[in-house]
C-alpha atoms as a PDB file:
ATOM      1  CA  UNK A   1       7.215   0.758 -19.661  1.00  0.00           C
ATOM      2  CA  UNK A   2       7.059   1.223 -15.912  1.00  0.00           C
ATOM      3  CA  UNK A   3       4.250  -0.140 -13.840  1.00  0.00           C
ATOM      4  CA  UNK A   4       3.116   1.130 -10.491  1.00  0.00           C
ATOM      5  CA  UNK A   5       0.834   0.004  -7.690  1.00  0.00           C
ATOM      6  CA  UNK A   6      -1.746   2.358  -6.283  1.00  0.00           C
ATOM      7  CA  UNK A   7      -3.930   1.839  -3.242  1.00  0.00           C
ATOM      8  CA  UNK A   8      -7.317   3.473  -3.525  1.00  0.00           C
ATOM      9  CA  UNK A   9      -9.543   4.570  -0.675  1.00  0.00           C
ATOM     10  CA  UNK A  10     -11.902   1.633  -1.013  1.00  0.00           C
ATOM     11  CA  UNK A  11      -8.980  -0.708  -0.284  1.00  0.00           C
ATOM     12  CA  UNK A  12      -8.350  -2.112  -3.740  1.00  0.00           C
ATOM     13  CA  UNK A  13      -4.827  -2.315  -5.116  1.00  0.00           C
ATOM     14  CA  UNK A  14      -4.487  -1.280  -8.752  1.00  0.00           C
ATOM     15  CA  UNK A  15      -1.559  -2.134 -11.005  1.00  0.00           C
ATOM     16  CA  UNK A  16      -1.175   0.819 -13.369  1.00  0.00           C
ATOM     17  CA  UNK A  17       0.585   0.746 -16.742  1.00  0.00           C
ATOM     18  CA  UNK A  18       0.471   3.676 -19.157  1.00  0.00           C
ATOM     19  CA  UNK A  19      -2.213   5.371 -17.024  1.00  0.00           C
ATOM     20  CA  UNK A  20      -4.499   2.327 -17.345  1.00  0.00           C
ATOM     21  CA  UNK A  21      -5.425  -0.162 -14.641  1.00  0.00           C
ATOM     22  CA  UNK A  22      -4.191  -3.530 -15.893  1.00  0.00           C
ATOM     23  CA  UNK A  23      -4.985  -5.488 -12.741  1.00  0.00           C
ATOM     24  CA  UNK A  24      -7.201  -4.877  -9.758  1.00  0.00           C
ATOM     25  CA  UNK A  25      -6.713  -6.858  -6.560  1.00  0.00           C
ATOM     26  CA  UNK A  26      -9.437  -7.071  -3.945  1.00  0.00           C
ATOM     27  CA  UNK A  27      -7.923  -6.930  -0.481  1.00  0.00           C
ATOM     28  CA  UNK A  28     -11.064  -7.511   1.593  1.00  0.00           C
ATOM     29  CA  UNK A  29     -10.152  -4.369   3.558  1.00  0.00           C
ATOM     30  CA  UNK A  30      -6.828  -5.862   4.690  1.00  0.00           C
ATOM     31  CA  UNK A  31      -4.996  -2.836   3.289  1.00  0.00           C
ATOM     32  CA  UNK A  32      -7.280  -0.485   5.227  1.00  0.00           C
ATOM     33  CA  UNK A  33      -6.676  -2.478   8.410  1.00  0.00           C
ATOM     34  CA  UNK A  34      -2.905  -2.258   7.833  1.00  0.00           C
ATOM     35  CA  UNK A  35      -3.076   1.505   7.235  1.00  0.00           C
ATOM     36  CA  UNK A  36      -5.176   1.978  10.371  1.00  0.00           C
ATOM     37  CA  UNK A  37      -2.700  -0.079  12.395  1.00  0.00           C
ATOM     38  CA  UNK A  38       0.238   1.948  11.075  1.00  0.00           C
ATOM     39  CA  UNK A  39      -1.504   5.241  11.802  1.00  0.00           C
ATOM     40  CA  UNK A  40      -1.874   4.338  15.460  1.00  0.00           C
ATOM     41  CA  UNK A  41       1.532   2.665  15.880  1.00  0.00           C
ATOM     42  CA  UNK A  42       4.230   4.263  17.959  1.00  0.00           C
ATOM     43  CA  UNK A  43       7.451   4.497  15.959  1.00  0.00           C
ATOM     44  CA  UNK A  44      10.572   3.066  17.540  1.00  0.00           C
ATOM     45  CA  UNK A  45      14.093   4.237  16.938  1.00  0.00           C
ATOM     46  CA  UNK A  46      15.926   1.841  14.657  1.00  0.00           C
ATOM     47  CA  UNK A  47      19.065   0.564  16.367  1.00  0.00           C
ATOM     48  CA  UNK A  48      20.564  -0.723  13.113  1.00  0.00           C
ATOM     49  CA  UNK A  49      22.656   2.056  11.526  1.00  0.00           C
ATOM     50  CA  UNK A  50      22.213   0.466   8.080  1.00  0.00           C
ATOM     51  CA  UNK A  51      18.565   1.618   7.927  1.00  0.00           C
END
């Protein structure tokens, strides 16, 4: 039975199994800070042809 991780707007990370949250992780808004940082980052061209 596959599990997935979902990030909700309030910044919590939920582990989902069979459409039920089996674990909730508080991130103290660290996920939101990471998303904000990524939104305003300038992408660079990857010089490694493997990726």
